[in-house]
Amino acid sequence: MAQVNELLPIGSIIILKEAKKRLMIFGIKQTDGEDSEKTYDYVGVIYPEGNMGLKSQFLFNHEDIQNIYFRGYDDIERQDFIAKLSELYEKPEVLEK
């Protein structure tokens, strides 16, 4: 998993290692919501098709990315969000998940 301040912005277009289709990131620090509650760096949808339901959403980590084609929008609002998220993930109880 990547450090929070290394995460790509929403809207970034990437391709995963050994993948054939690109993905667009639409969420960061997501859990699978299933039994394990495992946290992933990102959730993405196939690009350019977009969201076609839960089966078209993919959870993955930063180290799974092979190439970044486009880096999403970054502004002060996102930077403030990342700073707050970094503080949250520095707490020991969050890291235990």
PDB file of N, CA and C in Angstrom:
ATOM      1  N   MET A   1       0.834  -1.195   0.000  1.00  0.00           N
ATOM      2  CA  MET A   1       0.000   0.000   0.000  1.00  0.00           C
ATOM      3  C   MET A   1       0.872   1.250   0.000  1.00  0.00           C
ATOM      4  N   ALA A   2       0.396   2.235  -0.685  1.00  0.00           N
ATOM      5  CA  ALA A   2       1.109   3.509  -0.782  1.00  0.00           C
ATOM      6  C   ALA A   2       0.841   4.359   0.454  1.00  0.00           C
ATOM      7  N   GLN A   3       1.763   5.269   0.729  1.00  0.00           N
ATOM      8  CA  GLN A   3       1.516   6.277   1.748  1.00  0.00           C
ATOM      9  C   GLN A   3       0.398   7.174   1.222  1.00  0.00           C
ATOM     10  N   VAL A   4      -0.412   7.701   2.105  1.00  0.00           N
ATOM     11  CA  VAL A   4      -1.569   8.501   1.696  1.00  0.00           C
ATOM     12  C   VAL A   4      -1.159   9.665   0.794  1.00  0.00           C
ATOM     13  N   ASN A   5      -0.051  10.335   1.112  1.00  0.00           N
ATOM     14  CA  ASN A   5       0.358  11.498   0.314  1.00  0.00           C
ATOM     15  C   ASN A   5       0.878  11.113  -1.072  1.00  0.00           C
ATOM     16  N   GLU A   6       1.048   9.821  -1.356  1.00  0.00           N
ATOM     17  CA  GLU A   6       1.486   9.357  -2.678  1.00  0.00           C
ATOM     18  C   GLU A   6       0.309   8.960  -3.571  1.00  0.00           C
ATOM     19  N   LEU A   7      -0.905   8.938  -3.025  1.00  0.00           N
ATOM     20  CA  LEU A   7      -2.063   8.471  -3.781  1.00  0.00           C
ATOM     21  C   LEU A   7      -2.405   9.404  -4.936  1.00  0.00           C
ATOM     22  N   LEU A   8      -2.814   8.807  -6.031  1.00  0.00           N
ATOM     23  CA  LEU A   8      -3.204   9.568  -7.211  1.00  0.00           C
ATOM     24  C   LEU A   8      -4.570  10.227  -6.994  1.00  0.00           C
ATOM     25  N   PRO A   9      -4.795  11.358  -7.636  1.00  0.00           N
ATOM     26  CA  PRO A   9      -6.093  12.018  -7.518  1.00  0.00           C
ATOM     27  C   PRO A   9      -7.196  11.236  -8.242  1.00  0.00           C
ATOM     28  N   ILE A  10      -8.412  11.442  -7.797  1.00  0.00           N
ATOM     29  CA  ILE A  10      -9.580  10.900  -8.488  1.00  0.00           C
ATOM     30  C   ILE A  10      -9.571  11.429  -9.927  1.00  0.00           C
ATOM     31  N   GLY A  11      -9.968  10.579 -10.844  1.00  0.00           N
ATOM     32  CA  GLY A  11      -9.962  10.951 -12.259  1.00  0.00           C
ATOM     33  C   GLY A  11      -8.716  10.492 -12.987  1.00  0.00           C
ATOM     34  N   SER A  12      -7.717  10.013 -12.248  1.00  0.00           N
ATOM     35  CA  SER A  12      -6.492   9.525 -12.884  1.00  0.00           C
ATOM     36  C   SER A  12      -6.806   8.279 -13.710  1.00  0.00           C
ATOM     37  N   ILE A  13      -6.137   8.166 -14.854  1.00  0.00           N
ATOM     38  CA  ILE A  13      -6.305   7.021 -15.745  1.00  0.00           C
ATOM     39  C   ILE A  13      -5.030   6.191 -15.679  1.00  0.00           C
ATOM     40  N   ILE A  14      -5.181   4.900 -15.358  1.00  0.00           N
ATOM     41  CA  ILE A  14      -4.026   4.022 -15.161  1.00  0.00           C
ATOM     42  C   ILE A  14      -4.267   2.693 -15.868  1.00  0.00           C
ATOM     43  N   ILE A  15      -3.218   1.892 -15.923  1.00  0.00           N
ATOM     44  CA  ILE A  15      -3.379   0.496 -16.316  1.00  0.00           C
ATOM     45  C   ILE A  15      -2.655  -0.349 -15.284  1.00  0.00           C
ATOM     46  N   LEU A  16      -3.289  -1.436 -14.903  1.00  0.00           N
ATOM     47  CA  LEU A  16      -2.695  -2.348 -13.932  1.00  0.00           C
ATOM     48  C   LEU A  16      -1.730  -3.291 -14.626  1.00  0.00           C
ATOM     49  N   LYS A  17      -0.804  -3.821 -13.863  1.00  0.00           N
ATOM     50  CA  LYS A  17       0.128  -4.816 -14.395  1.00  0.00           C
ATOM     51  C   LYS A  17      -0.669  -5.984 -14.967  1.00  0.00           C
ATOM     52  N   GLU A  18      -0.292  -6.419 -16.148  1.00  0.00           N
ATOM     53  CA  GLU A  18      -0.903  -7.553 -16.843  1.00  0.00           C
ATOM     54  C   GLU A  18      -2.368  -7.327 -17.238  1.00  0.00           C
ATOM     55  N   ALA A  19      -2.811  -6.076 -17.273  1.00  0.00           N
ATOM     56  CA  ALA A  19      -4.193  -5.772 -17.674  1.00  0.00           C
ATOM     57  C   ALA A  19      -4.247  -5.391 -19.148  1.00  0.00           C
ATOM     58  N   LYS A  20      -5.445  -5.492 -19.719  1.00  0.00           N
ATOM     59  CA  LYS A  20      -5.649  -5.119 -21.117  1.00  0.00           C
ATOM     60  C   LYS A  20      -6.421  -3.812 -21.262  1.00  0.00           C
ATOM     61  N   LYS A  21      -7.176  -3.427 -20.229  1.00  0.00           N
ATOM     62  CA  LYS A  21      -7.988  -2.206 -20.261  1.00  0.00           C
ATOM     63  C   LYS A  21      -7.504  -1.236 -19.187  1.00  0.00           C
ATOM     64  N   ARG A  22      -7.606   0.038 -19.506  1.00  0.00           N
ATOM     65  CA  ARG A  22      -7.270   1.069 -18.529  1.00  0.00           C
ATOM     66  C   ARG A  22      -8.424   1.244 -17.534  1.00  0.00           C
ATOM     67  N   LEU A  23      -8.107   1.815 -16.385  1.00  0.00           N
ATOM     68  CA  LEU A  23      -9.094   2.131 -15.359  1.00  0.00           C
ATOM     69  C   LEU A  23      -9.028   3.610 -15.027  1.00  0.00           C
ATOM     70  N   MET A  24     -10.174   4.157 -14.612  1.00  0.00           N
ATOM     71  CA  MET A  24     -10.223   5.504 -14.075  1.00  0.00           C
ATOM     72  C   MET A  24     -10.482   5.384 -12.577  1.00  0.00           C
ATOM     73  N   ILE A  25      -9.631   6.012 -11.793  1.00  0.00           N
ATOM     74  CA  ILE A  25      -9.779   5.991 -10.332  1.00  0.00           C
ATOM     75  C   ILE A  25     -10.940   6.896  -9.942  1.00  0.00           C
ATOM     76  N   PHE A  26     -11.856   6.344  -9.131  1.00  0.00           N
ATOM     77  CA  PHE A  26     -12.962   7.189  -8.653  1.00  0.00           C
ATOM     78  C   PHE A  26     -13.102   7.163  -7.141  1.00  0.00           C
ATOM     79  N   GLY A  27     -12.156   6.531  -6.459  1.00  0.00           N
ATOM     80  CA  GLY A  27     -12.163   6.536  -5.001  1.00  0.00           C
ATOM     81  C   GLY A  27     -10.817   6.096  -4.456  1.00  0.00           C
ATOM     82  N   ILE A  28     -10.478   6.593  -3.279  1.00  0.00           N
ATOM     83  CA  ILE A  28      -9.232   6.182  -2.622  1.00  0.00           C
ATOM     84  C   ILE A  28      -9.548   5.654  -1.230  1.00  0.00           C
ATOM     85  N   LYS A  29      -8.623   4.805  -0.739  1.00  0.00           N
ATOM     86  CA  LYS A  29      -8.740   4.183   0.582  1.00  0.00           C
ATOM     87  C   LYS A  29     -10.125   3.569   0.769  1.00  0.00           C
ATOM     88  N   GLN A  30     -10.385   2.545  -0.023  1.00  0.00           N
ATOM     89  CA  GLN A  30     -11.674   1.856  -0.045  1.00  0.00           C
ATOM     90  C   GLN A  30     -11.558   0.486   0.617  1.00  0.00           C
ATOM     91  N   THR A  31     -12.632   0.043   1.254  1.00  0.00           N
ATOM     92  CA  THR A  31     -12.670  -1.315   1.795  1.00  0.00           C
ATOM     93  C   THR A  31     -13.516  -2.183   0.881  1.00  0.00           C
ATOM     94  N   ASP A  32     -13.250  -3.491   0.939  1.00  0.00           N
ATOM     95  CA  ASP A  32     -13.999  -4.403   0.069  1.00  0.00           C
ATOM     96  C   ASP A  32     -15.427  -4.586   0.546  1.00  0.00           C
ATOM     97  N   GLY A  33     -15.721  -4.188   1.782  1.00  0.00           N
ATOM     98  CA  GLY A  33     -17.089  -4.247   2.278  1.00  0.00           C
ATOM     99  C   GLY A  33     -17.606  -5.649   2.510  1.00  0.00           C
ATOM    100  N   GLU A  34     -16.783  -6.606   2.278  1.00  0.00           N
ATOM    101  CA  GLU A  34     -17.169  -8.007   2.469  1.00  0.00           C
ATOM    102  C   GLU A  34     -16.726  -8.443   3.859  1.00  0.00           C
ATOM    103  N   ASP A  35     -16.495  -9.710   4.029  1.00  0.00           N
ATOM    104  CA  ASP A  35     -16.110 -10.254   5.334  1.00  0.00           C
ATOM    105  C   ASP A  35     -14.765  -9.726   5.833  1.00  0.00           C
ATOM    106  N   SER A  36     -13.801  -9.548   4.931  1.00  0.00           N
ATOM    107  CA  SER A  36     -12.449  -9.203   5.377  1.00  0.00           C
ATOM    108  C   SER A  36     -12.275  -7.743   5.748  1.00  0.00           C
ATOM    109  N   GLU A  37     -13.085  -6.847   5.164  1.00  0.00           N
ATOM    110  CA  GLU A  37     -12.938  -5.409   5.403  1.00  0.00           C
ATOM    111  C   GLU A  37     -11.522  -4.938   5.074  1.00  0.00           C
ATOM    112  N   LYS A  38     -10.879  -5.588   4.124  1.00  0.00           N
ATOM    113  CA  LYS A  38      -9.542  -5.210   3.697  1.00  0.00           C
ATOM    114  C   LYS A  38      -9.586  -3.840   3.021  1.00  0.00           C
ATOM    115  N   THR A  39      -8.582  -3.010   3.294  1.00  0.00           N
ATOM    116  CA  THR A  39      -8.503  -1.682   2.702  1.00  0.00           C
ATOM    117  C   THR A  39      -7.575  -1.704   1.497  1.00  0.00           C
ATOM    118  N   TYR A  40      -8.009  -1.059   0.427  1.00  0.00           N
ATOM    119  CA  TYR A  40      -7.229  -0.920  -0.798  1.00  0.00           C
ATOM    120  C   TYR A  40      -6.953   0.559  -1.034  1.00  0.00           C
ATOM    121  N   ASP A  41      -5.906   0.853  -1.791  1.00  0.00           N
ATOM    122  CA  ASP A  41      -5.584   2.248  -2.101  1.00  0.00           C
ATOM    123  C   ASP A  41      -6.639   2.890  -2.989  1.00  0.00           C
ATOM    124  N   TYR A  42      -7.188   2.121  -3.941  1.00  0.00           N
ATOM    125  CA  TYR A  42      -8.071   2.703  -4.949  1.00  0.00           C
ATOM    126  C   TYR A  42      -9.247   1.807  -5.292  1.00  0.00           C
ATOM    127  N   VAL A  43     -10.258   2.435  -5.869  1.00  0.00           N
ATOM    128  CA  VAL A  43     -11.322   1.737  -6.592  1.00  0.00           C
ATOM    129  C   VAL A  43     -11.415   2.433  -7.946  1.00  0.00           C
ATOM    130  N   GLY A  44     -11.525   1.629  -8.996  1.00  0.00           N
ATOM    131  CA  GLY A  44     -11.586   2.196 -10.337  1.00  0.00           C
ATOM    132  C   GLY A  44     -12.620   1.494 -11.194  1.00  0.00           C
ATOM    133  N   VAL A  45     -12.955   2.132 -12.300  1.00  0.00           N
ATOM    134  CA  VAL A  45     -13.875   1.571 -13.293  1.00  0.00           C
ATOM    135  C   VAL A  45     -13.166   1.563 -14.641  1.00  0.00           C
ATOM    136  N   ILE A  46     -13.636   0.671 -15.517  1.00  0.00           N
ATOM    137  CA  ILE A  46     -13.037   0.547 -16.839  1.00  0.00           C
ATOM    138  C   ILE A  46     -13.173   1.866 -17.587  1.00  0.00           C
ATOM    139  N   TYR A  47     -12.098   2.251 -18.242  1.00  0.00           N
ATOM    140  CA  TYR A  47     -12.076   3.469 -19.043  1.00  0.00           C
ATOM    141  C   TYR A  47     -12.074   3.081 -20.514  1.00  0.00           C
ATOM    142  N   PRO A  48     -12.894   3.682 -21.345  1.00  0.00           N
ATOM    143  CA  PRO A  48     -13.722   4.867 -21.140  1.00  0.00           C
ATOM    144  C   PRO A  48     -15.167   4.563 -20.776  1.00  0.00           C
ATOM    145  N   GLU A  49     -15.516   3.297 -20.616  1.00  0.00           N
ATOM    146  CA  GLU A  49     -16.913   2.917 -20.393  1.00  0.00           C
ATOM    147  C   GLU A  49     -17.495   3.490 -19.106  1.00  0.00           C
ATOM    148  N   GLY A  50     -16.708   3.494 -18.028  1.00  0.00           N
ATOM    149  CA  GLY A  50     -17.179   4.015 -16.750  1.00  0.00           C
ATOM    150  C   GLY A  50     -17.920   2.977 -15.928  1.00  0.00           C
ATOM    151  N   ASN A  51     -18.666   3.441 -14.964  1.00  0.00           N
ATOM    152  CA  ASN A  51     -19.343   2.554 -14.022  1.00  0.00           C
ATOM    153  C   ASN A  51     -20.533   1.863 -14.680  1.00  0.00           C
ATOM    154  N   MET A  52     -20.491   0.548 -14.657  1.00  0.00           N
ATOM    155  CA  MET A  52     -21.598  -0.257 -15.197  1.00  0.00           C
ATOM    156  C   MET A  52     -22.122  -1.207 -14.120  1.00  0.00           C
ATOM    157  N   GLY A  53     -22.003  -0.798 -12.864  1.00  0.00           N
ATOM    158  CA  GLY A  53     -22.467  -1.611 -11.752  1.00  0.00           C
ATOM    159  C   GLY A  53     -21.309  -2.134 -10.911  1.00  0.00           C
ATOM    160  N   LEU A  54     -21.651  -2.784  -9.816  1.00  0.00           N
ATOM    161  CA  LEU A  54     -20.636  -3.259  -8.875  1.00  0.00           C
ATOM    162  C   LEU A  54     -19.625  -4.218  -9.493  1.00  0.00           C
ATOM    163  N   LYS A  55     -20.048  -5.004 -10.466  1.00  0.00           N
ATOM    164  CA  LYS A  55     -19.132  -5.968 -11.077  1.00  0.00           C
ATOM    165  C   LYS A  55     -18.120  -5.304 -12.012  1.00  0.00           C
ATOM    166  N   SER A  56     -18.294  -4.026 -12.275  1.00  0.00           N
ATOM    167  CA  SER A  56     -17.339  -3.310 -13.124  1.00  0.00           C
ATOM    168  C   SER A  56     -16.424  -2.400 -12.312  1.00  0.00           C
ATOM    169  N   GLN A  57     -16.449  -2.533 -10.979  1.00  0.00           N
ATOM    170  CA  GLN A  57     -15.590  -1.751 -10.098  1.00  0.00           C
ATOM    171  C   GLN A  57     -14.470  -2.644  -9.586  1.00  0.00           C
ATOM    172  N   PHE A  58     -13.234  -2.109  -9.604  1.00  0.00           N
ATOM    173  CA  PHE A  58     -12.063  -2.900  -9.253  1.00  0.00           C
ATOM    174  C   PHE A  58     -11.279  -2.236  -8.143  1.00  0.00           C
ATOM    175  N   LEU A  59     -10.991  -3.003  -7.095  1.00  0.00           N
ATOM    176  CA  LEU A  59     -10.164  -2.542  -5.986  1.00  0.00           C
ATOM    177  C   LEU A  59      -8.723  -2.936  -6.262  1.00  0.00           C
ATOM    178  N   PHE A  60      -7.792  -2.012  -5.998  1.00  0.00           N
ATOM    179  CA  PHE A  60      -6.380  -2.315  -6.234  1.00  0.00           C
ATOM    180  C   PHE A  60      -5.504  -1.370  -5.421  1.00  0.00           C
ATOM    181  N   ASN A  61      -4.233  -1.724  -5.338  1.00  0.00           N
ATOM    182  CA  ASN A  61      -3.259  -0.922  -4.600  1.00  0.00           C
ATOM    183  C   ASN A  61      -2.304  -0.229  -5.556  1.00  0.00           C
ATOM    184  N   HIS A  62      -1.620   0.767  -5.040  1.00  0.00           N
ATOM    185  CA  HIS A  62      -0.718   1.583  -5.854  1.00  0.00           C
ATOM    186  C   HIS A  62       0.345   0.734  -6.542  1.00  0.00           C
ATOM    187  N   GLU A  63       0.873  -0.256  -5.845  1.00  0.00           N
ATOM    188  CA  GLU A  63       1.939  -1.081  -6.428  1.00  0.00           C
ATOM    189  C   GLU A  63       1.450  -1.968  -7.573  1.00  0.00           C
ATOM    190  N   ASP A  64       0.130  -2.083  -7.744  1.00  0.00           N
ATOM    191  CA  ASP A  64      -0.432  -2.868  -8.854  1.00  0.00           C
ATOM    192  C   ASP A  64      -0.442  -2.084 -10.166  1.00  0.00           C
ATOM    193  N   ILE A  65      -0.168  -0.783 -10.105  1.00  0.00           N
ATOM    194  CA  ILE A  65      -0.219   0.072 -11.298  1.00  0.00           C
ATOM    195  C   ILE A  65       1.046  -0.111 -12.133  1.00  0.00           C
ATOM    196  N   GLN A  66       0.821  -0.336 -13.426  1.00  0.00           N
ATOM    197  CA  GLN A  66       1.946  -0.451 -14.368  1.00  0.00           C
ATOM    198  C   GLN A  66       2.289   0.905 -14.974  1.00  0.00           C
ATOM    199  N   ASN A  67       1.255   1.673 -15.343  1.00  0.00           N
ATOM    200  CA  ASN A  67       1.487   2.942 -16.018  1.00  0.00           C
ATOM    201  C   ASN A  67       0.382   3.934 -15.661  1.00  0.00           C
ATOM    202  N   ILE A  68       0.757   5.204 -15.555  1.00  0.00           N
ATOM    203  CA  ILE A  68      -0.203   6.290 -15.335  1.00  0.00           C
ATOM    204  C   ILE A  68      -0.311   7.069 -16.637  1.00  0.00           C
ATOM    205  N   TYR A  69      -1.509   7.095 -17.228  1.00  0.00           N
ATOM    206  CA  TYR A  69      -1.733   7.801 -18.486  1.00  0.00           C
ATOM    207  C   TYR A  69      -2.142   9.244 -18.266  1.00  0.00           C
ATOM    208  N   PHE A  70      -2.880   9.485 -17.182  1.00  0.00           N
ATOM    209  CA  PHE A  70      -3.378  10.829 -16.895  1.00  0.00           C
ATOM    210  C   PHE A  70      -3.505  10.980 -15.395  1.00  0.00           C
ATOM    211  N   ARG A  71      -2.991  12.076 -14.879  1.00  0.00           N
ATOM    212  CA  ARG A  71      -3.106  12.362 -13.446  1.00  0.00           C
ATOM    213  C   ARG A  71      -4.298  13.286 -13.250  1.00  0.00           C
ATOM    214  N   GLY A  72      -5.214  12.881 -12.362  1.00  0.00           N
ATOM    215  CA  GLY A  72      -6.432  13.643 -12.107  1.00  0.00           C
ATOM    216  C   GLY A  72      -6.180  15.019 -11.500  1.00  0.00           C
ATOM    217  N   TYR A  73      -7.257  15.745 -11.339  1.00  0.00           N
ATOM    218  CA  TYR A  73      -7.228  17.122 -10.858  1.00  0.00           C
ATOM    219  C   TYR A  73      -6.747  17.199  -9.411  1.00  0.00           C
ATOM    220  N   ASP A  74      -5.868  18.148  -9.164  1.00  0.00           N
ATOM    221  CA  ASP A  74      -5.321  18.360  -7.823  1.00  0.00           C
ATOM    222  C   ASP A  74      -5.409  19.852  -7.511  1.00  0.00           C
ATOM    223  N   ASP A  75      -6.022  20.171  -6.379  1.00  0.00           N
ATOM    224  CA  ASP A  75      -6.120  21.561  -5.956  1.00  0.00           C
ATOM    225  C   ASP A  75      -5.991  21.628  -4.442  1.00  0.00           C
ATOM    226  N   ILE A  76      -6.181  22.781  -3.882  1.00  0.00           N
ATOM    227  CA  ILE A  76      -6.020  22.973  -2.440  1.00  0.00           C
ATOM    228  C   ILE A  76      -7.020  22.130  -1.644  1.00  0.00           C
ATOM    229  N   GLU A  77      -8.230  21.981  -2.174  1.00  0.00           N
ATOM    230  CA  GLU A  77      -9.236  21.182  -1.478  1.00  0.00           C
ATOM    231  C   GLU A  77      -8.776  19.721  -1.358  1.00  0.00           C
ATOM    232  N   ARG A  78      -8.242  19.164  -2.445  1.00  0.00           N
ATOM    233  CA  ARG A  78      -7.724  17.793  -2.408  1.00  0.00           C
ATOM    234  C   ARG A  78      -6.511  17.709  -1.483  1.00  0.00           C
ATOM    235  N   GLN A  79      -5.639  18.695  -1.537  1.00  0.00           N
ATOM    236  CA  GLN A  79      -4.448  18.691  -0.681  1.00  0.00           C
ATOM    237  C   GLN A  79      -4.830  18.717   0.800  1.00  0.00           C
ATOM    238  N   ASP A  80      -5.851  19.495   1.152  1.00  0.00           N
ATOM    239  CA  ASP A  80      -6.349  19.523   2.535  1.00  0.00           C
ATOM    240  C   ASP A  80      -6.925  18.160   2.927  1.00  0.00           C
ATOM    241  N   PHE A  81      -7.680  17.545   2.007  1.00  0.00           N
ATOM    242  CA  PHE A  81      -8.251  16.222   2.252  1.00  0.00           C
ATOM    243  C   PHE A  81      -7.143  15.190   2.484  1.00  0.00           C
ATOM    244  N   ILE A  82      -6.115  15.203   1.651  1.00  0.00           N
ATOM    245  CA  ILE A  82      -5.008  14.253   1.778  1.00  0.00           C
ATOM    246  C   ILE A  82      -4.275  14.474   3.108  1.00  0.00           C
ATOM    247  N   ALA A  83      -4.093  15.712   3.516  1.00  0.00           N
ATOM    248  CA  ALA A  83      -3.444  16.011   4.797  1.00  0.00           C
ATOM    249  C   ALA A  83      -4.250  15.442   5.962  1.00  0.00           C
ATOM    250  N   LYS A  84      -5.565  15.621   5.933  1.00  0.00           N
ATOM    251  CA  LYS A  84      -6.425  15.081   6.996  1.00  0.00           C
ATOM    252  C   LYS A  84      -6.429  13.553   6.975  1.00  0.00           C
ATOM    253  N   LEU A  85      -6.459  12.973   5.785  1.00  0.00           N
ATOM    254  CA  LEU A  85      -6.428  11.520   5.651  1.00  0.00           C
ATOM    255  C   LEU A  85      -5.097  10.965   6.154  1.00  0.00           C
ATOM    256  N   SER A  86      -4.006  11.659   5.885  1.00  0.00           N
ATOM    257  CA  SER A  86      -2.684  11.248   6.376  1.00  0.00           C
ATOM    258  C   SER A  86      -2.659  11.221   7.898  1.00  0.00           C
ATOM    259  N   GLU A  87      -3.216  12.254   8.513  1.00  0.00           N
ATOM    260  CA  GLU A  87      -3.283  12.309   9.982  1.00  0.00           C
ATOM    261  C   GLU A  87      -4.076  11.125  10.526  1.00  0.00           C
ATOM    262  N   LEU A  88      -5.183  10.817   9.886  1.00  0.00           N
ATOM    263  CA  LEU A  88      -6.019   9.704  10.316  1.00  0.00           C
ATOM    264  C   LEU A  88      -5.264   8.381  10.224  1.00  0.00           C
ATOM    265  N   TYR A  89      -4.563   8.165   9.113  1.00  0.00           N
ATOM    266  CA  TYR A  89      -3.860   6.897   8.910  1.00  0.00           C
ATOM    267  C   TYR A  89      -2.584   6.781   9.726  1.00  0.00           C
ATOM    268  N   GLU A  90      -2.155   7.865  10.361  1.00  0.00           N
ATOM    269  CA  GLU A  90      -1.002   7.798  11.263  1.00  0.00           C
ATOM    270  C   GLU A  90      -1.394   7.264  12.634  1.00  0.00           C
ATOM    271  N   LYS A  91      -2.681   7.221  12.925  1.00  0.00           N
ATOM    272  CA  LYS A  91      -3.149   6.718  14.222  1.00  0.00           C
ATOM    273  C   LYS A  91      -3.000   5.203  14.252  1.00  0.00           C
ATOM    274  N   PRO A  92      -2.458   4.645  15.330  1.00  0.00           N
ATOM    275  CA  PRO A  92      -2.210   3.196  15.414  1.00  0.00           C
ATOM    276  C   PRO A  92      -3.444   2.338  15.203  1.00  0.00           C
ATOM    277  N   GLU A  93      -4.610   2.744  15.703  1.00  0.00           N
ATOM    278  CA  GLU A  93      -5.806   1.920  15.571  1.00  0.00           C
ATOM    279  C   GLU A  93      -6.259   1.796  14.121  1.00  0.00           C
ATOM    280  N   VAL A  94      -5.978   2.786  13.286  1.00  0.00           N
ATOM    281  CA  VAL A  94      -6.330   2.714  11.869  1.00  0.00           C
ATOM    282  C   VAL A  94      -5.378   1.779  11.142  1.00  0.00           C
ATOM    283  N   LEU A  95      -4.110   1.820  11.516  1.00  0.00           N
ATOM    284  CA  LEU A  95      -3.111   0.978  10.859  1.00  0.00           C
ATOM    285  C   LEU A  95      -3.296  -0.502  11.166  1.00  0.00           C
ATOM    286  N   GLU A  96      -3.999  -0.836  12.232  1.00  0.00           N
ATOM    287  CA  GLU A  96      -4.206  -2.224  12.612  1.00  0.00           C
ATOM    288  C   GLU A  96      -5.185  -2.942  11.703  1.00  0.00           C
ATOM    289  N   LYS A  97      -5.984  -2.232  10.928  1.00  0.00           N
ATOM    290  CA  LYS A  97      -6.990  -2.843  10.063  1.00  0.00           C
ATOM    291  C   LYS A  97      -6.367  -3.678   8.980  1.00  0.00           C
TER     292      LYS A  97
END
